PDB file of all heavy atoms in Angstrom:
ATOM      1  N   ALA A   1      -1.591 -30.184   7.892  1.00  0.00           N
ATOM      2  CA  ALA A   1      -1.322 -31.025   6.718  1.00  0.00           C
ATOM      3  C   ALA A   1      -0.898 -30.185   5.519  1.00  0.00           C
ATOM      4  O   ALA A   1      -1.196 -30.508   4.371  1.00  0.00           O
ATOM      5  CB  ALA A   1      -2.577 -31.842   6.368  1.00  0.00           C
ATOM      6  N   ASP A   2      -0.176 -29.077   5.779  1.00  0.00           N
ATOM      7  CA  ASP A   2       0.219 -28.178   4.689  1.00  0.00           C
ATOM      8  C   ASP A   2       1.055 -28.889   3.632  1.00  0.00           C
ATOM      9  O   ASP A   2       0.999 -28.525   2.453  1.00  0.00           O
ATOM     10  CB  ASP A   2       0.998 -26.983   5.255  1.00  0.00           C
ATOM     11  CG  ASP A   2       0.136 -26.106   6.131  1.00  0.00           C
ATOM     12  OD1 ASP A   2      -0.552 -25.226   5.594  1.00  0.00           O
ATOM     13  OD2 ASP A   2       0.140 -26.304   7.361  1.00  0.00           O
ATOM     14  N   ALA A   3       1.826 -29.883   4.047  1.00  0.00           N
ATOM     15  CA  ALA A   3       2.681 -30.585   3.086  1.00  0.00           C
ATOM     16  C   ALA A   3       1.866 -31.334   2.037  1.00  0.00           C
ATOM     17  O   ALA A   3       2.377 -31.648   0.959  1.00  0.00           O
ATOM     18  CB  ALA A   3       3.599 -31.557   3.818  1.00  0.00           C
ATOM     19  N   ALA A   4       0.598 -31.615   2.347  1.00  0.00           N
ATOM     20  CA  ALA A   4      -0.242 -32.361   1.408  1.00  0.00           C
ATOM     21  C   ALA A   4      -0.947 -31.455   0.398  1.00  0.00           C
ATOM     22  O   ALA A   4      -1.604 -31.948  -0.514  1.00  0.00           O
ATOM     23  CB  ALA A   4      -1.293 -33.173   2.175  1.00  0.00           C
ATOM     24  N   LEU A   5      -0.786 -30.142   0.545  1.00  0.00           N
ATOM     25  CA  LEU A   5      -1.435 -29.226  -0.385  1.00  0.00           C
ATOM     26  C   LEU A   5      -0.836 -29.335  -1.778  1.00  0.00           C
ATOM     27  O   LEU A   5       0.375 -29.505  -1.944  1.00  0.00           O
ATOM     28  CB  LEU A   5      -1.271 -27.773   0.096  1.00  0.00           C
ATOM     29  CG  LEU A   5      -2.173 -27.288   1.225  1.00  0.00           C
ATOM     30  CD1 LEU A   5      -1.742 -25.891   1.647  1.00  0.00           C
ATOM     31  CD2 LEU A   5      -3.632 -27.292   0.784  1.00  0.00           C
ATOM     32  N   GLN A   6      -1.671 -29.197  -2.792  1.00  0.00           N
ATOM     33  CA  GLN A   6      -1.187 -29.139  -4.157  1.00  0.00           C
ATOM     34  C   GLN A   6      -0.430 -27.828  -4.356  1.00  0.00           C
ATOM     35  O   GLN A   6      -0.812 -26.790  -3.799  1.00  0.00           O
ATOM     36  CB  GLN A   6      -2.353 -29.230  -5.145  1.00  0.00           C
ATOM     37  CG  GLN A   6      -3.116 -30.538  -5.076  1.00  0.00           C
ATOM     38  CD  GLN A   6      -4.342 -30.542  -5.964  1.00  0.00           C
ATOM     39  OE1 GLN A   6      -4.663 -29.559  -6.621  1.00  0.00           O
ATOM     40  NE2 GLN A   6      -5.035 -31.668  -5.980  1.00  0.00           N
ATOM     41  N   PRO A   7       0.653 -27.822  -5.140  1.00  0.00           N
ATOM     42  CA  PRO A   7       1.451 -26.598  -5.321  1.00  0.00           C
ATOM     43  C   PRO A   7       0.622 -25.404  -5.803  1.00  0.00           C
ATOM     44  O   PRO A   7       0.838 -24.277  -5.348  1.00  0.00           O
ATOM     45  CB  PRO A   7       2.484 -27.016  -6.375  1.00  0.00           C
ATOM     46  CG  PRO A   7       2.606 -28.496  -6.219  1.00  0.00           C
ATOM     47  CD  PRO A   7       1.234 -28.972  -5.854  1.00  0.00           C
ATOM     48  N   GLU A   8      -0.343 -25.642  -6.699  1.00  0.00           N
ATOM     49  CA  GLU A   8      -1.158 -24.545  -7.215  1.00  0.00           C
ATOM     50  C   GLU A   8      -1.990 -23.911  -6.105  1.00  0.00           C
ATOM     51  O   GLU A   8      -2.133 -22.690  -6.037  1.00  0.00           O
ATOM     52  CB  GLU A   8      -2.076 -25.043  -8.335  1.00  0.00           C
ATOM     53  CG  GLU A   8      -1.350 -25.559  -9.560  1.00  0.00           C
ATOM     54  CD  GLU A   8      -0.896 -27.007  -9.418  1.00  0.00           C
ATOM     55  OE1 GLU A   8      -1.148 -27.608  -8.336  1.00  0.00           O
ATOM     56  OE2 GLU A   8      -0.295 -27.523 -10.367  1.00  0.00           O
ATOM     57  N   THR A   9      -2.534 -24.740  -5.233  1.00  0.00           N
ATOM     58  CA  THR A   9      -3.328 -24.226  -4.114  1.00  0.00           C
ATOM     59  C   THR A   9      -2.457 -23.425  -3.168  1.00  0.00           C
ATOM     60  O   THR A   9      -2.839 -22.339  -2.700  1.00  0.00           O
ATOM     61  CB  THR A   9      -3.991 -25.385  -3.358  1.00  0.00           C
ATOM     62  OG1 THR A   9      -4.870 -26.083  -4.240  1.00  0.00           O
ATOM     63  CG2 THR A   9      -4.779 -24.879  -2.156  1.00  0.00           C
ATOM     64  N   ARG A  10      -1.263 -23.933  -2.866  1.00  0.00           N
ATOM     65  CA  ARG A  10      -0.354 -23.227  -1.970  1.00  0.00           C
ATOM     66  C   ARG A  10       0.029 -21.866  -2.555  1.00  0.00           C
ATOM     67  O   ARG A  10       0.051 -20.848  -1.851  1.00  0.00           O
ATOM     68  CB  ARG A  10       0.899 -24.081  -1.739  1.00  0.00           C
ATOM     69  CG  ARG A  10       1.822 -23.532  -0.669  1.00  0.00           C
ATOM     70  CD  ARG A  10       3.034 -24.410  -0.441  1.00  0.00           C
ATOM     71  NE  ARG A  10       2.672 -25.712   0.088  1.00  0.00           N
ATOM     72  CZ  ARG A  10       2.754 -26.851  -0.597  1.00  0.00           C
ATOM     73  NH1 ARG A  10       3.168 -26.841  -1.852  1.00  0.00           N
ATOM     74  NH2 ARG A  10       2.428 -27.999  -0.042  1.00  0.00           N
ATOM     75  N   HIS A  11       0.293 -21.846  -3.869  1.00  0.00           N
ATOM     76  CA  HIS A  11       0.673 -20.600  -4.546  1.00  0.00           C
ATOM     77  C   HIS A  11      -0.452 -19.571  -4.481  1.00  0.00           C
ATOM     78  O   HIS A  11      -0.242 -18.417  -4.086  1.00  0.00           O
ATOM     79  CB  HIS A  11       1.027 -20.901  -6.007  1.00  0.00           C
ATOM     80  CG  HIS A  11       1.207 -19.683  -6.853  1.00  0.00           C
ATOM     81  ND1 HIS A  11       2.429 -19.077  -7.044  1.00  0.00           N
ATOM     82  CD2 HIS A  11       0.308 -18.947  -7.567  1.00  0.00           C
ATOM     83  CE1 HIS A  11       2.277 -18.019  -7.824  1.00  0.00           C
ATOM     84  NE2 HIS A  11       1.003 -17.921  -8.161  1.00  0.00           N
ATOM     85  N   ARG A  12      -1.663 -19.991  -4.859  1.00  0.00           N
ATOM     86  CA  ARG A  12      -2.773 -19.035  -4.912  1.00  0.00           C
ATOM     87  C   ARG A  12      -3.154 -18.534  -3.525  1.00  0.00           C
ATOM     88  O   ARG A  12      -3.485 -17.360  -3.345  1.00  0.00           O
ATOM     89  CB  ARG A  12      -3.978 -19.678  -5.597  1.00  0.00           C
ATOM     90  CG  ARG A  12      -3.805 -19.839  -7.104  1.00  0.00           C
ATOM     91  CD  ARG A  12      -5.117 -20.211  -7.770  1.00  0.00           C
ATOM     92  NE  ARG A  12      -5.524 -21.559  -7.447  1.00  0.00           N
ATOM     93  CZ  ARG A  12      -5.273 -22.621  -8.202  1.00  0.00           C
ATOM     94  NH1 ARG A  12      -4.573 -22.481  -9.325  1.00  0.00           N
ATOM     95  NH2 ARG A  12      -5.695 -23.825  -7.854  1.00  0.00           N
ATOM     96  N   THR A  13      -3.083 -19.404  -2.528  1.00  0.00           N
ATOM     97  CA  THR A  13      -3.433 -18.990  -1.176  1.00  0.00           C
ATOM     98  C   THR A  13      -2.405 -18.010  -0.626  1.00  0.00           C
ATOM     99  O   THR A  13      -2.756 -17.016   0.028  1.00  0.00           O
ATOM    100  CB  THR A  13      -3.542 -20.210  -0.253  1.00  0.00           C
ATOM    101  OG1 THR A  13      -4.484 -21.130  -0.797  1.00  0.00           O
ATOM    102  CG2 THR A  13      -3.993 -19.803   1.132  1.00  0.00           C
ATOM    103  N   LEU A  14      -1.137 -18.260  -0.885  1.00  0.00           N
ATOM    104  CA  LEU A  14      -0.093 -17.340  -0.442  1.00  0.00           C
ATOM    105  C   LEU A  14      -0.269 -15.980  -1.106  1.00  0.00           C
ATOM    106  O   LEU A  14      -0.152 -14.932  -0.445  1.00  0.00           O
ATOM    107  CB  LEU A  14       1.292 -17.911  -0.763  1.00  0.00           C
ATOM    108  CG  LEU A  14       2.483 -17.008  -0.424  1.00  0.00           C
ATOM    109  CD1 LEU A  14       2.496 -16.654   1.064  1.00  0.00           C
ATOM    110  CD2 LEU A  14       3.797 -17.694  -0.833  1.00  0.00           C
ATOM    111  N   LEU A  15      -0.569 -15.975  -2.392  1.00  0.00           N
ATOM    112  CA  LEU A  15      -0.780 -14.706  -3.092  1.00  0.00           C
ATOM    113  C   LEU A  15      -1.946 -13.936  -2.483  1.00  0.00           C
ATOM    114  O   LEU A  15      -1.853 -12.719  -2.246  1.00  0.00           O
ATOM    115  CB  LEU A  15      -1.041 -14.966  -4.581  1.00  0.00           C
ATOM    116  CG  LEU A  15      -1.340 -13.723  -5.435  1.00  0.00           C
ATOM    117  CD1 LEU A  15      -0.155 -12.766  -5.437  1.00  0.00           C
ATOM    118  CD2 LEU A  15      -1.698 -14.129  -6.861  1.00  0.00           C
ATOM    119  N   LEU A  16      -3.044 -14.621  -2.197  1.00  0.00           N
ATOM    120  CA  LEU A  16      -4.197 -13.955  -1.592  1.00  0.00           C
ATOM    121  C   LEU A  16      -3.857 -13.417  -0.211  1.00  0.00           C
ATOM    122  O   LEU A  16      -4.305 -12.327   0.166  1.00  0.00           O
ATOM    123  CB  LEU A  16      -5.379 -14.925  -1.509  1.00  0.00           C
ATOM    124  CG  LEU A  16      -6.048 -15.278  -2.842  1.00  0.00           C
ATOM    125  CD1 LEU A  16      -6.990 -16.455  -2.659  1.00  0.00           C
ATOM    126  CD2 LEU A  16      -6.803 -14.079  -3.398  1.00  0.00           C
ATOM    127  N   ALA A  17      -3.072 -14.168   0.550  1.00  0.00           N
ATOM    128  CA  ALA A  17      -2.679 -13.709   1.884  1.00  0.00           C
ATOM    129  C   ALA A  17      -1.806 -12.460   1.785  1.00  0.00           C
ATOM    130  O   ALA A  17      -1.964 -11.506   2.565  1.00  0.00           O
ATOM    131  CB  ALA A  17      -1.937 -14.820   2.620  1.00  0.00           C
ATOM    132  N   VAL A  18      -0.894 -12.454   0.836  1.00  0.00           N
ATOM    133  CA  VAL A  18      -0.019 -11.291   0.646  1.00  0.00           C
ATOM    134  C   VAL A  18      -0.846 -10.078   0.218  1.00  0.00           C
ATOM    135  O   VAL A  18      -0.652  -8.966   0.731  1.00  0.00           O
ATOM    136  CB  VAL A  18       1.068 -11.607  -0.402  1.00  0.00           C
ATOM    137  CG1 VAL A  18       1.787 -10.333  -0.822  1.00  0.00           C
ATOM    138  CG2 VAL A  18       2.068 -12.612   0.154  1.00  0.00           C
ATOM    139  N   GLN A  19      -1.764 -10.274  -0.709  1.00  0.00           N
ATOM    140  CA  GLN A  19      -2.601  -9.167  -1.169  1.00  0.00           C
ATOM    141  C   GLN A  19      -3.452  -8.605  -0.032  1.00  0.00           C
ATOM    142  O   GLN A  19      -3.619  -7.385   0.089  1.00  0.00           O
ATOM    143  CB  GLN A  19      -3.482  -9.623  -2.327  1.00  0.00           C
ATOM    144  CG  GLN A  19      -2.699  -9.899  -3.609  1.00  0.00           C
ATOM    145  CD  GLN A  19      -3.562 -10.491  -4.699  1.00  0.00           C
ATOM    146  OE1 GLN A  19      -4.617 -11.078  -4.442  1.00  0.00           O
ATOM    147  NE2 GLN A  19      -3.117 -10.353  -5.949  1.00  0.00           N
ATOM    148  N   ALA A  20      -3.979  -9.488   0.808  1.00  0.00           N
ATOM    149  CA  ALA A  20      -4.768  -9.029   1.957  1.00  0.00           C
ATOM    150  C   ALA A  20      -3.888  -8.238   2.928  1.00  0.00           C
ATOM    151  O   ALA A  20      -4.317  -7.208   3.473  1.00  0.00           O
ATOM    152  CB  ALA A  20      -5.403 -10.222   2.660  1.00  0.00           C
ATOM    153  N   PHE A  21      -2.668  -8.695   3.154  1.00  0.00           N
ATOM    154  CA  PHE A  21      -1.736  -7.985   4.032  1.00  0.00           C
ATOM    155  C   PHE A  21      -1.460  -6.587   3.494  1.00  0.00           C
ATOM    156  O   PHE A  21      -1.451  -5.596   4.246  1.00  0.00           O
ATOM    157  CB  PHE A  21      -0.428  -8.779   4.137  1.00  0.00           C
ATOM    158  CG  PHE A  21       0.632  -8.109   4.978  1.00  0.00           C
ATOM    159  CD1 PHE A  21       0.675  -8.309   6.342  1.00  0.00           C
ATOM    160  CD2 PHE A  21       1.582  -7.290   4.385  1.00  0.00           C
ATOM    161  CE1 PHE A  21       1.657  -7.694   7.118  1.00  0.00           C
ATOM    162  CE2 PHE A  21       2.559  -6.672   5.147  1.00  0.00           C
ATOM    163  CZ  PHE A  21       2.600  -6.869   6.516  1.00  0.00           C
ATOM    164  N   ILE A  22      -1.249  -6.488   2.187  1.00  0.00           N
ATOM    165  CA  ILE A  22      -0.980  -5.185   1.574  1.00  0.00           C
ATOM    166  C   ILE A  22      -2.168  -4.245   1.770  1.00  0.00           C
ATOM    167  O   ILE A  22      -2.003  -3.080   2.152  1.00  0.00           O
ATOM    168  CB  ILE A  22      -0.657  -5.359   0.079  1.00  0.00           C
ATOM    169  CG1 ILE A  22       0.723  -6.015  -0.082  1.00  0.00           C
ATOM    170  CG2 ILE A  22      -0.695  -4.005  -0.652  1.00  0.00           C
ATOM    171  CD1 ILE A  22       1.054  -6.406  -1.513  1.00  0.00           C
ATOM    172  N   ARG A  23      -3.371  -4.745   1.540  1.00  0.00           N
ATOM    173  CA  ARG A  23      -4.557  -3.892   1.702  1.00  0.00           C
ATOM    174  C   ARG A  23      -4.712  -3.396   3.137  1.00  0.00           C
ATOM    175  O   ARG A  23      -5.188  -2.292   3.373  1.00  0.00           O
ATOM    176  CB  ARG A  23      -5.803  -4.661   1.257  1.00  0.00           C
ATOM    177  CG  ARG A  23      -5.863  -4.947  -0.233  1.00  0.00           C
ATOM    178  CD  ARG A  23      -7.210  -5.528  -0.632  1.00  0.00           C
ATOM    179  NE  ARG A  23      -7.245  -5.879  -2.032  1.00  0.00           N
ATOM    180  CZ  ARG A  23      -7.046  -7.107  -2.513  1.00  0.00           C
ATOM    181  NH1 ARG A  23      -6.813  -8.106  -1.671  1.00  0.00           N
ATOM    182  NH2 ARG A  23      -7.082  -7.344  -3.799  1.00  0.00           N
ATOM    183  N   GLU A  24      -4.324  -4.233   4.088  1.00  0.00           N
ATOM    184  CA  GLU A  24      -4.454  -3.854   5.501  1.00  0.00           C
ATOM    185  C   GLU A  24      -3.406  -2.832   5.933  1.00  0.00           C
ATOM    186  O   GLU A  24      -3.559  -2.179   6.968  1.00  0.00           O
ATOM    187  CB  GLU A  24      -4.336  -5.096   6.385  1.00  0.00           C
ATOM    188  CG  GLU A  24      -5.516  -6.051   6.274  1.00  0.00           C
ATOM    189  CD  GLU A  24      -5.262  -7.369   6.986  1.00  0.00           C
ATOM    190  OE1 GLU A  24      -4.186  -7.491   7.639  1.00  0.00           O
ATOM    191  OE2 GLU A  24      -6.103  -8.262   6.885  1.00  0.00           O
ATOM    192  N   HIS A  25      -2.328  -2.681   5.149  1.00  0.00           N
ATOM    193  CA  HIS A  25      -1.223  -1.801   5.541  1.00  0.00           C
ATOM    194  C   HIS A  25      -0.965  -0.693   4.529  1.00  0.00           C
ATOM    195  O   HIS A  25       0.128  -0.117   4.506  1.00  0.00           O
ATOM    196  CB  HIS A  25       0.049  -2.636   5.748  1.00  0.00           C
ATOM    197  CG  HIS A  25      -0.029  -3.600   6.889  1.00  0.00           C
ATOM    198  ND1 HIS A  25      -0.607  -4.853   6.752  1.00  0.00           N
ATOM    199  CD2 HIS A  25       0.356  -3.495   8.185  1.00  0.00           C
ATOM    200  CE1 HIS A  25      -0.552  -5.484   7.918  1.00  0.00           C
ATOM    201  NE2 HIS A  25       0.015  -4.694   8.798  1.00  0.00           N
ATOM    202  N   LEU A  26      -1.960  -0.360   3.732  1.00  0.00           N
ATOM    203  CA  LEU A  26      -1.783   0.670   2.711  1.00  0.00           C
ATOM    204  C   LEU A  26      -1.428   2.023   3.318  1.00  0.00           C
ATOM    205  O   LEU A  26      -0.779   2.854   2.666  1.00  0.00           O
ATOM    206  CB  LEU A  26      -3.057   0.805   1.867  1.00  0.00           C
ATOM    207  CG  LEU A  26      -3.380  -0.346   0.906  1.00  0.00           C
ATOM    208  CD1 LEU A  26      -4.716  -0.099   0.233  1.00  0.00           C
ATOM    209  CD2 LEU A  26      -2.277  -0.505  -0.132  1.00  0.00           C
ATOM    210  N   ASN A  27      -1.874   2.282   4.540  1.00  0.00           N
ATOM    211  CA  ASN A  27      -1.623   3.587   5.157  1.00  0.00           C
ATOM    212  C   ASN A  27      -0.179   3.752   5.633  1.00  0.00           C
ATOM    213  O   ASN A  27       0.217   4.844   6.040  1.00  0.00           O
ATOM    214  CB  ASN A  27      -2.579   3.818   6.331  1.00  0.00           C
ATOM    215  CG  ASN A  27      -2.379   2.809   7.449  1.00  0.00           C
ATOM    216  OD1 ASN A  27      -1.860   1.715   7.218  1.00  0.00           O
ATOM    217  ND2 ASN A  27      -2.805   3.155   8.651  1.00  0.00           N
ATOM    218  N   ASP A  28       0.605   2.690   5.558  1.00  0.00           N
ATOM    219  CA  ASP A  28       2.000   2.748   5.994  1.00  0.00           C
ATOM    220  C   ASP A  28       2.872   3.170   4.809  1.00  0.00           C
ATOM    221  O   ASP A  28       3.053   2.401   3.855  1.00  0.00           O
ATOM    222  CB  ASP A  28       2.435   1.373   6.503  1.00  0.00           C
ATOM    223  CG  ASP A  28       3.879   1.362   6.984  1.00  0.00           C
ATOM    224  OD1 ASP A  28       4.543   2.419   6.916  1.00  0.00           O
ATOM    225  OD2 ASP A  28       4.341   0.285   7.412  1.00  0.00           O
ATOM    226  N   PRO A  29       3.452   4.364   4.830  1.00  0.00           N
ATOM    227  CA  PRO A  29       4.273   4.803   3.691  1.00  0.00           C
ATOM    228  C   PRO A  29       5.535   3.964   3.508  1.00  0.00           C
ATOM    229  O   PRO A  29       6.161   3.993   2.447  1.00  0.00           O
ATOM    230  CB  PRO A  29       4.608   6.262   4.046  1.00  0.00           C
ATOM    231  CG  PRO A  29       4.466   6.336   5.523  1.00  0.00           C
ATOM    232  CD  PRO A  29       3.375   5.383   5.889  1.00  0.00           C
ATOM    233  N   ASP A  30       5.912   3.217   4.547  1.00  0.00           N
ATOM    234  CA  ASP A  30       7.115   2.383   4.468  1.00  0.00           C
ATOM    235  C   ASP A  30       6.804   0.952   4.009  1.00  0.00           C
ATOM    236  O   ASP A  30       7.689   0.091   4.037  1.00  0.00           O
ATOM    237  CB  ASP A  30       7.806   2.338   5.829  1.00  0.00           C
ATOM    238  CG  ASP A  30       8.382   3.692   6.230  1.00  0.00           C
ATOM    239  OD1 ASP A  30       8.906   4.384   5.333  1.00  0.00           O
ATOM    240  OD2 ASP A  30       8.274   4.063   7.408  1.00  0.00           O
ATOM    241  N   LEU A  31       5.574   0.699   3.601  1.00  0.00           N
ATOM    242  CA  LEU A  31       5.225  -0.625   3.078  1.00  0.00           C
ATOM    243  C   LEU A  31       6.068  -0.913   1.839  1.00  0.00           C
ATOM    244  O   LEU A  31       6.068  -0.141   0.877  1.00  0.00           O
ATOM    245  CB  LEU A  31       3.741  -0.656   2.716  1.00  0.00           C
ATOM    246  CG  LEU A  31       3.164  -1.991   2.227  1.00  0.00           C
ATOM    247  CD1 LEU A  31       3.168  -3.027   3.343  1.00  0.00           C
ATOM    248  CD2 LEU A  31       1.741  -1.790   1.702  1.00  0.00           C
ATOM    249  N   ASN A  32       6.794  -2.027   1.850  1.00  0.00           N
ATOM    250  CA  ASN A  32       7.697  -2.339   0.737  1.00  0.00           C
ATOM    251  C   ASN A  32       7.888  -3.845   0.636  1.00  0.00           C
ATOM    252  O   ASN A  32       7.498  -4.600   1.539  1.00  0.00           O
ATOM    253  CB  ASN A  32       9.045  -1.635   0.942  1.00  0.00           C
ATOM    254  CG  ASN A  32       9.728  -2.056   2.230  1.00  0.00           C
ATOM    255  OD1 ASN A  32      10.092  -3.218   2.397  1.00  0.00           O
ATOM    256  ND2 ASN A  32       9.907  -1.116   3.166  1.00  0.00           N
ATOM    257  N   PRO A  33       8.478  -4.312  -0.471  1.00  0.00           N
ATOM    258  CA  PRO A  33       8.651  -5.767  -0.650  1.00  0.00           C
ATOM    259  C   PRO A  33       9.389  -6.447   0.492  1.00  0.00           C
ATOM    260  O   PRO A  33       9.072  -7.585   0.850  1.00  0.00           O
ATOM    261  CB  PRO A  33       9.431  -5.860  -1.961  1.00  0.00           C
ATOM    262  CG  PRO A  33       9.005  -4.641  -2.726  1.00  0.00           C
ATOM    263  CD  PRO A  33       8.874  -3.565  -1.680  1.00  0.00           C
ATOM    264  N   GLY A  34      10.365  -5.757   1.091  1.00  0.00           N
ATOM    265  CA  GLY A  34      11.118  -6.376   2.161  1.00  0.00           C
ATOM    266  C   GLY A  34      10.258  -6.717   3.371  1.00  0.00           C
ATOM    267  O   GLY A  34      10.301  -7.848   3.879  1.00  0.00           O
ATOM    268  N   CYS A  35       9.447  -5.759   3.832  1.00  0.00           N
ATOM    269  CA  CYS A  35       8.628  -6.032   5.021  1.00  0.00           C
ATOM    270  C   CYS A  35       7.482  -6.985   4.693  1.00  0.00           C
ATOM    271  O   CYS A  35       7.066  -7.776   5.541  1.00  0.00           O
ATOM    272  CB  CYS A  35       8.109  -4.733   5.622  1.00  0.00           C
ATOM    273  SG  CYS A  35       6.901  -3.844   4.638  1.00  0.00           S
ATOM    274  N   ILE A  36       6.979  -6.936   3.461  1.00  0.00           N
ATOM    275  CA  ILE A  36       5.906  -7.858   3.060  1.00  0.00           C
ATOM    276  C   ILE A  36       6.436  -9.289   3.036  1.00  0.00           C
ATOM    277  O   ILE A  36       5.805 -10.213   3.550  1.00  0.00           O
ATOM    278  CB  ILE A  36       5.348  -7.464   1.681  1.00  0.00           C
ATOM    279  CG1 ILE A  36       4.685  -6.094   1.753  1.00  0.00           C
ATOM    280  CG2 ILE A  36       4.348  -8.508   1.190  1.00  0.00           C
ATOM    281  CD1 ILE A  36       4.365  -5.500   0.387  1.00  0.00           C
ATOM    282  N   ALA A  37       7.611  -9.474   2.436  1.00  0.00           N
ATOM    283  CA  ALA A  37       8.211 -10.812   2.373  1.00  0.00           C
ATOM    284  C   ALA A  37       8.501 -11.340   3.776  1.00  0.00           C
ATOM    285  O   ALA A  37       8.220 -12.506   4.087  1.00  0.00           O
ATOM    286  CB  ALA A  37       9.484 -10.772   1.538  1.00  0.00           C
ATOM    287  N   ALA A  38       9.032 -10.477   4.641  1.00  0.00           N
ATOM    288  CA  ALA A  38       9.371 -10.902   6.006  1.00  0.00           C
ATOM    289  C   ALA A  38       8.119 -11.324   6.773  1.00  0.00           C
ATOM    290  O   ALA A  38       8.154 -12.297   7.543  1.00  0.00           O
ATOM    291  CB  ALA A  38      10.087  -9.776   6.735  1.00  0.00           C
ATOM    292  N   ALA A  39       7.019 -10.602   6.566  1.00  0.00           N
ATOM    293  CA  ALA A  39       5.776 -10.918   7.283  1.00  0.00           C
ATOM    294  C   ALA A  39       5.220 -12.282   6.882  1.00  0.00           C
ATOM    295  O   ALA A  39       4.441 -12.882   7.630  1.00  0.00           O
ATOM    296  CB  ALA A  39       4.734  -9.837   7.025  1.00  0.00           C
ATOM    297  N   HIS A  40       5.618 -12.773   5.694  1.00  0.00           N
ATOM    298  CA  HIS A  40       5.090 -14.057   5.213  1.00  0.00           C
ATOM    299  C   HIS A  40       6.180 -15.132   5.145  1.00  0.00           C
ATOM    300  O   HIS A  40       5.954 -16.198   4.565  1.00  0.00           O
ATOM    301  CB  HIS A  40       4.439 -13.861   3.837  1.00  0.00           C
ATOM    302  CG  HIS A  40       3.200 -13.009   3.911  1.00  0.00           C
ATOM    303  ND1 HIS A  40       3.247 -11.646   3.885  1.00  0.00           N
ATOM    304  CD2 HIS A  40       1.893 -13.356   4.054  1.00  0.00           C
ATOM    305  CE1 HIS A  40       2.017 -11.164   3.995  1.00  0.00           C
ATOM    306  NE2 HIS A  40       1.186 -12.171   4.110  1.00  0.00           N
ATOM    307  N   TYR A  41       7.346 -14.823   5.726  1.00  0.00           N
ATOM    308  CA  TYR A  41       8.446 -15.797   5.830  1.00  0.00           C
ATOM    309  C   TYR A  41       8.856 -16.343   4.464  1.00  0.00           C
ATOM    310  O   TYR A  41       9.111 -17.541   4.302  1.00  0.00           O
ATOM    311  CB  TYR A  41       8.046 -16.945   6.776  1.00  0.00           C
ATOM    312  CG  TYR A  41       7.582 -16.461   8.120  1.00  0.00           C
ATOM    313  CD1 TYR A  41       6.229 -16.373   8.416  1.00  0.00           C
ATOM    314  CD2 TYR A  41       8.506 -16.053   9.094  1.00  0.00           C
ATOM    315  CE1 TYR A  41       5.796 -15.904   9.651  1.00  0.00           C
ATOM    316  CE2 TYR A  41       8.088 -15.578  10.325  1.00  0.00           C
ATOM    317  CZ  TYR A  41       6.732 -15.506  10.600  1.00  0.00           C
ATOM    318  OH  TYR A  41       6.305 -15.030  11.820  1.00  0.00           O
ATOM    319  N   ILE A  42       8.921 -15.438   3.494  1.00  0.00           N
ATOM    320  CA  ILE A  42       9.402 -15.819   2.168  1.00  0.00           C
ATOM    321  C   ILE A  42      10.469 -14.818   1.742  1.00  0.00           C
ATOM    322  O   ILE A  42      10.607 -13.742   2.323  1.00  0.00           O
ATOM    323  CB  ILE A  42       8.260 -15.844   1.112  1.00  0.00           C
ATOM    324  CG1 ILE A  42       7.589 -14.462   1.014  1.00  0.00           C
ATOM    325  CG2 ILE A  42       7.247 -16.921   1.452  1.00  0.00           C
ATOM    326  CD1 ILE A  42       6.522 -14.373  -0.074  1.00  0.00           C
ATOM    327  N   SER A  43      11.234 -15.174   0.703  1.00  0.00           N
ATOM    328  CA  SER A  43      12.265 -14.264   0.208  1.00  0.00           C
ATOM    329  C   SER A  43      11.643 -13.197  -0.689  1.00  0.00           C
ATOM    330  O   SER A  43      10.521 -13.345  -1.186  1.00  0.00           O
ATOM    331  CB  SER A  43      13.306 -15.046  -0.596  1.00  0.00           C
ATOM    332  OG  SER A  43      12.707 -15.574  -1.773  1.00  0.00           O
TER     333      SER A  43
END
C-alpha cells in the first residue's frame, strides 16, 4: 500500500534508508551519489 503513504512519511523513510545504506558501505572508496541513487531506484 505504498501509494497510500503520506509524502512526508515517504520522504523521511527514503532518507533513513539511504543513510543506512551509506553507513553499511562506508568501507567502499567508490561509494558515490551515482551508486547510492541506483541502489534506491532514484535519480
